[in-house]
Amino acid sequence: MEIDTIILLIHLAVGFFLVFLAAKAFKKTRYPPMGLLAIGFSMIVLGDTVVGDAISGIASEGVKDVVEELIEISGFVVLILAVKKS
């Protein structure tokens, strides 16, 4: 297995563990900002890992980079909203 694949798998595991913890906290407390945290973290993890690979075959490298960054930026905006509402 290549080192890039190993790093990607670790990134996904740690990222989704963070999403799991935020979702679990939301389920326990029903506090809306916790739900926003789970959504924001999900967008960041997916934008940084999965989305780029998913569209790499149908889009150019530039378009792929723009889509990844837009999803990540959207995730950060959701995190900002969560912090502001808490």
N, C-alpha and C. Protein backbone atom coordinates (compact mmCIF):
# COMPACT_ATOMS: atom_id res chain seq x y z
N MET A 1 0.86 -1.18 0.00
CA MET A 1 0.00 0.00 0.00
C MET A 1 0.90 1.24 0.00
N GLU A 2 0.55 2.21 -0.82
CA GLU A 2 1.34 3.43 -0.92
C GLU A 2 1.13 4.32 0.29
N ILE A 3 2.11 5.14 0.58
CA ILE A 3 2.04 6.04 1.74
C ILE A 3 0.89 7.04 1.59
N ASP A 4 0.63 7.49 0.36
CA ASP A 4 -0.47 8.43 0.14
C ASP A 4 -1.81 7.82 0.53
N THR A 5 -2.00 6.57 0.21
CA THR A 5 -3.24 5.87 0.56
C THR A 5 -3.37 5.72 2.06
N ILE A 6 -2.28 5.40 2.72
CA ILE A 6 -2.29 5.25 4.17
C ILE A 6 -2.64 6.58 4.84
N ILE A 7 -2.04 7.65 4.37
CA ILE A 7 -2.31 8.98 4.93
C ILE A 7 -3.77 9.35 4.70
N LEU A 8 -4.30 9.08 3.52
CA LEU A 8 -5.70 9.37 3.23
C LEU A 8 -6.64 8.59 4.16
N LEU A 9 -6.34 7.33 4.38
CA LEU A 9 -7.17 6.51 5.26
C LEU A 9 -7.13 7.02 6.70
N ILE A 10 -5.95 7.43 7.16
CA ILE A 10 -5.84 8.00 8.51
C ILE A 10 -6.61 9.30 8.60
N HIS A 11 -6.49 10.13 7.56
CA HIS A 11 -7.23 11.41 7.51
C HIS A 11 -8.73 11.16 7.59
N LEU A 12 -9.22 10.21 6.82
CA LEU A 12 -10.65 9.89 6.86
C LEU A 12 -11.08 9.34 8.22
N ALA A 13 -10.27 8.46 8.78
CA ALA A 13 -10.63 7.86 10.07
C ALA A 13 -10.70 8.91 11.17
N VAL A 14 -9.69 9.76 11.25
CA VAL A 14 -9.67 10.80 12.28
C VAL A 14 -10.79 11.81 12.03
N GLY A 15 -10.97 12.21 10.78
CA GLY A 15 -12.02 13.17 10.45
C GLY A 15 -13.40 12.66 10.77
N PHE A 16 -13.68 11.43 10.40
CA PHE A 16 -15.01 10.90 10.66
C PHE A 16 -15.21 10.55 12.13
N PHE A 17 -14.12 10.29 12.86
CA PHE A 17 -14.25 10.12 14.31
C PHE A 17 -14.69 11.44 14.94
N LEU A 18 -14.12 12.54 14.46
CA LEU A 18 -14.53 13.86 14.93
C LEU A 18 -16.01 14.12 14.60
N VAL A 19 -16.43 13.76 13.41
CA VAL A 19 -17.84 13.91 13.02
C VAL A 19 -18.72 13.03 13.91
N PHE A 20 -18.28 11.82 14.18
CA PHE A 20 -19.03 10.92 15.05
C PHE A 20 -19.22 11.52 16.44
N LEU A 21 -18.16 12.08 17.01
CA LEU A 21 -18.26 12.68 18.34
C LEU A 21 -19.22 13.87 18.34
N ALA A 22 -19.15 14.70 17.31
CA ALA A 22 -20.05 15.85 17.23
C ALA A 22 -21.50 15.40 17.06
N ALA A 23 -21.72 14.39 16.23
CA ALA A 23 -23.09 13.87 16.03
C ALA A 23 -23.62 13.22 17.30
N LYS A 24 -22.76 12.51 18.00
CA LYS A 24 -23.15 11.89 19.27
C LYS A 24 -23.52 12.96 20.30
N ALA A 25 -22.74 14.04 20.36
CA ALA A 25 -23.04 15.14 21.28
C ALA A 25 -24.37 15.80 20.92
N PHE A 26 -24.62 15.96 19.62
CA PHE A 26 -25.89 16.55 19.18
C PHE A 26 -27.05 15.64 19.57
N LYS A 27 -26.89 14.35 19.35
CA LYS A 27 -27.96 13.40 19.67
C LYS A 27 -28.26 13.42 21.17
N LYS A 28 -27.23 13.55 21.97
CA LYS A 28 -27.40 13.54 23.42
C LYS A 28 -28.02 14.83 23.93
N THR A 29 -27.59 15.97 23.39
CA THR A 29 -28.02 17.27 23.93
C THR A 29 -29.13 17.94 23.13
N ARG A 30 -29.27 17.56 21.86
CA ARG A 30 -30.21 18.23 20.94
C ARG A 30 -29.93 19.73 20.84
N TYR A 31 -28.67 20.09 21.04
CA TYR A 31 -28.25 21.49 20.96
C TYR A 31 -27.89 21.78 19.50
N PRO A 32 -28.66 22.63 18.80
CA PRO A 32 -28.47 22.83 17.35
C PRO A 32 -27.04 23.16 16.91
N PRO A 33 -26.27 23.96 17.64
CA PRO A 33 -24.90 24.19 17.19
C PRO A 33 -24.05 22.92 17.10
N MET A 34 -24.36 21.93 17.92
CA MET A 34 -23.63 20.65 17.82
C MET A 34 -23.94 19.97 16.48
N GLY A 35 -25.18 20.07 16.04
CA GLY A 35 -25.53 19.53 14.73
C GLY A 35 -24.80 20.26 13.62
N LEU A 36 -24.68 21.58 13.77
CA LEU A 36 -23.94 22.36 12.77
C LEU A 36 -22.46 21.98 12.77
N LEU A 37 -21.91 21.69 13.95
CA LEU A 37 -20.52 21.24 14.01
C LEU A 37 -20.34 19.94 13.24
N ALA A 38 -21.25 19.01 13.43
CA ALA A 38 -21.16 17.73 12.71
C ALA A 38 -21.25 17.94 11.20
N ILE A 39 -22.15 18.82 10.77
CA ILE A 39 -22.28 19.11 9.33
C ILE A 39 -21.02 19.77 8.79
N GLY A 40 -20.53 20.77 9.51
CA GLY A 40 -19.33 21.49 9.08
C GLY A 40 -18.11 20.58 8.99
N PHE A 41 -17.90 19.75 10.02
CA PHE A 41 -16.76 18.82 9.99
C PHE A 41 -16.91 17.83 8.84
N SER A 42 -18.13 17.37 8.59
CA SER A 42 -18.36 16.44 7.48
C SER A 42 -18.00 17.07 6.15
N MET A 43 -18.41 18.32 5.97
CA MET A 43 -18.11 19.00 4.70
C MET A 43 -16.61 19.17 4.52
N ILE A 44 -15.91 19.50 5.59
CA ILE A 44 -14.46 19.69 5.49
C ILE A 44 -13.77 18.37 5.16
N VAL A 45 -14.13 17.32 5.85
CA VAL A 45 -13.50 16.02 5.61
C VAL A 45 -13.82 15.52 4.20
N LEU A 46 -15.08 15.60 3.80
CA LEU A 46 -15.46 15.13 2.46
C LEU A 46 -14.84 16.00 1.37
N GLY A 47 -14.83 17.31 1.58
CA GLY A 47 -14.26 18.20 0.58
C GLY A 47 -12.77 17.98 0.39
N ASP A 48 -12.10 17.65 1.48
CA ASP A 48 -10.65 17.48 1.41
C ASP A 48 -10.24 16.11 0.89
N THR A 49 -11.10 15.12 0.99
CA THR A 49 -10.68 13.77 0.62
C THR A 49 -11.54 13.15 -0.49
N VAL A 50 -12.78 12.94 -0.23
CA VAL A 50 -13.62 12.12 -1.11
C VAL A 50 -14.04 12.84 -2.39
N VAL A 51 -14.45 14.09 -2.28
CA VAL A 51 -15.00 14.81 -3.43
C VAL A 51 -13.98 14.93 -4.56
N GLY A 52 -12.76 15.27 -4.22
CA GLY A 52 -11.74 15.40 -5.25
C GLY A 52 -11.52 14.13 -6.03
N ASP A 53 -11.49 13.01 -5.32
CA ASP A 53 -11.32 11.72 -6.00
C ASP A 53 -12.55 11.35 -6.82
N ALA A 54 -13.72 11.73 -6.33
CA ALA A 54 -14.96 11.38 -7.02
C ALA A 54 -15.10 12.10 -8.36
N ILE A 55 -14.64 13.34 -8.44
CA ILE A 55 -14.82 14.09 -9.68
C ILE A 55 -13.55 14.17 -10.53
N SER A 56 -12.49 13.51 -10.11
CA SER A 56 -11.24 13.61 -10.85
C SER A 56 -11.35 13.04 -12.27
N GLY A 57 -12.22 12.07 -12.48
CA GLY A 57 -12.36 11.48 -13.81
C GLY A 57 -13.22 12.28 -14.75
N ILE A 58 -14.05 13.18 -14.22
CA ILE A 58 -14.98 13.91 -15.08
C ILE A 58 -14.69 15.40 -15.18
N ALA A 59 -13.71 15.88 -14.40
CA ALA A 59 -13.41 17.31 -14.42
C ALA A 59 -11.91 17.52 -14.51
N SER A 60 -11.54 18.69 -14.99
CA SER A 60 -10.12 19.01 -15.07
C SER A 60 -9.57 19.25 -13.67
N GLU A 61 -8.26 19.31 -13.56
CA GLU A 61 -7.61 19.51 -12.26
C GLU A 61 -8.01 20.84 -11.63
N GLY A 62 -8.14 21.87 -12.45
CA GLY A 62 -8.54 23.18 -11.93
C GLY A 62 -9.95 23.18 -11.37
N VAL A 63 -10.87 22.56 -12.10
CA VAL A 63 -12.26 22.49 -11.63
C VAL A 63 -12.34 21.66 -10.36
N LYS A 64 -11.60 20.56 -10.33
CA LYS A 64 -11.58 19.70 -9.15
C LYS A 64 -11.10 20.48 -7.93
N ASP A 65 -10.04 21.24 -8.08
CA ASP A 65 -9.50 22.04 -6.97
C ASP A 65 -10.51 23.08 -6.49
N VAL A 66 -11.19 23.73 -7.44
CA VAL A 66 -12.17 24.75 -7.07
C VAL A 66 -13.33 24.13 -6.30
N VAL A 67 -13.83 22.99 -6.77
CA VAL A 67 -14.95 22.33 -6.10
C VAL A 67 -14.54 21.89 -4.69
N GLU A 68 -13.35 21.30 -4.56
CA GLU A 68 -12.87 20.90 -3.24
C GLU A 68 -12.81 22.08 -2.28
N GLU A 69 -12.22 23.17 -2.76
CA GLU A 69 -12.06 24.36 -1.91
C GLU A 69 -13.41 24.97 -1.54
N LEU A 70 -14.35 25.00 -2.48
CA LEU A 70 -15.67 25.56 -2.17
C LEU A 70 -16.40 24.75 -1.11
N ILE A 71 -16.27 23.44 -1.18
CA ILE A 71 -16.91 22.60 -0.17
C ILE A 71 -16.24 22.80 1.19
N GLU A 72 -14.91 22.89 1.21
CA GLU A 72 -14.20 23.11 2.46
C GLU A 72 -14.54 24.48 3.05
N ILE A 73 -14.57 25.50 2.23
CA ILE A 73 -14.92 26.85 2.70
C ILE A 73 -16.34 26.85 3.26
N SER A 74 -17.25 26.16 2.57
CA SER A 74 -18.63 26.06 3.08
C SER A 74 -18.66 25.39 4.44
N GLY A 75 -17.84 24.37 4.62
CA GLY A 75 -17.75 23.70 5.91
C GLY A 75 -17.26 24.63 7.00
N PHE A 76 -16.28 25.47 6.67
CA PHE A 76 -15.79 26.43 7.65
C PHE A 76 -16.85 27.48 7.99
N VAL A 77 -17.64 27.87 6.99
CA VAL A 77 -18.73 28.82 7.26
C VAL A 77 -19.75 28.20 8.21
N VAL A 78 -20.06 26.94 8.01
CA VAL A 78 -20.99 26.25 8.90
C VAL A 78 -20.41 26.18 10.31
N LEU A 79 -19.10 25.92 10.43
CA LEU A 79 -18.47 25.91 11.75
C LEU A 79 -18.55 27.28 12.42
N ILE A 80 -18.34 28.33 11.64
CA ILE A 80 -18.46 29.68 12.19
C ILE A 80 -19.87 29.93 12.70
N LEU A 81 -20.87 29.51 11.93
CA LEU A 81 -22.26 29.66 12.38
C LEU A 81 -22.50 28.89 13.68
N ALA A 82 -21.94 27.70 13.78
CA ALA A 82 -22.11 26.90 15.00
C ALA A 82 -21.51 27.60 16.21
N VAL A 83 -20.34 28.17 16.04
CA VAL A 83 -19.68 28.85 17.15
C VAL A 83 -20.44 30.12 17.53
N LYS A 84 -20.92 30.84 16.53
CA LYS A 84 -21.67 32.07 16.82
C LYS A 84 -22.98 31.78 17.55
N LYS A 85 -23.61 30.64 17.24
CA LYS A 85 -24.90 30.32 17.85
C LYS A 85 -24.75 29.68 19.24
N SER A 86 -23.54 29.27 19.57
CA SER A 86 -23.38 28.60 20.87
C SER A 86 -23.18 29.57 22.02
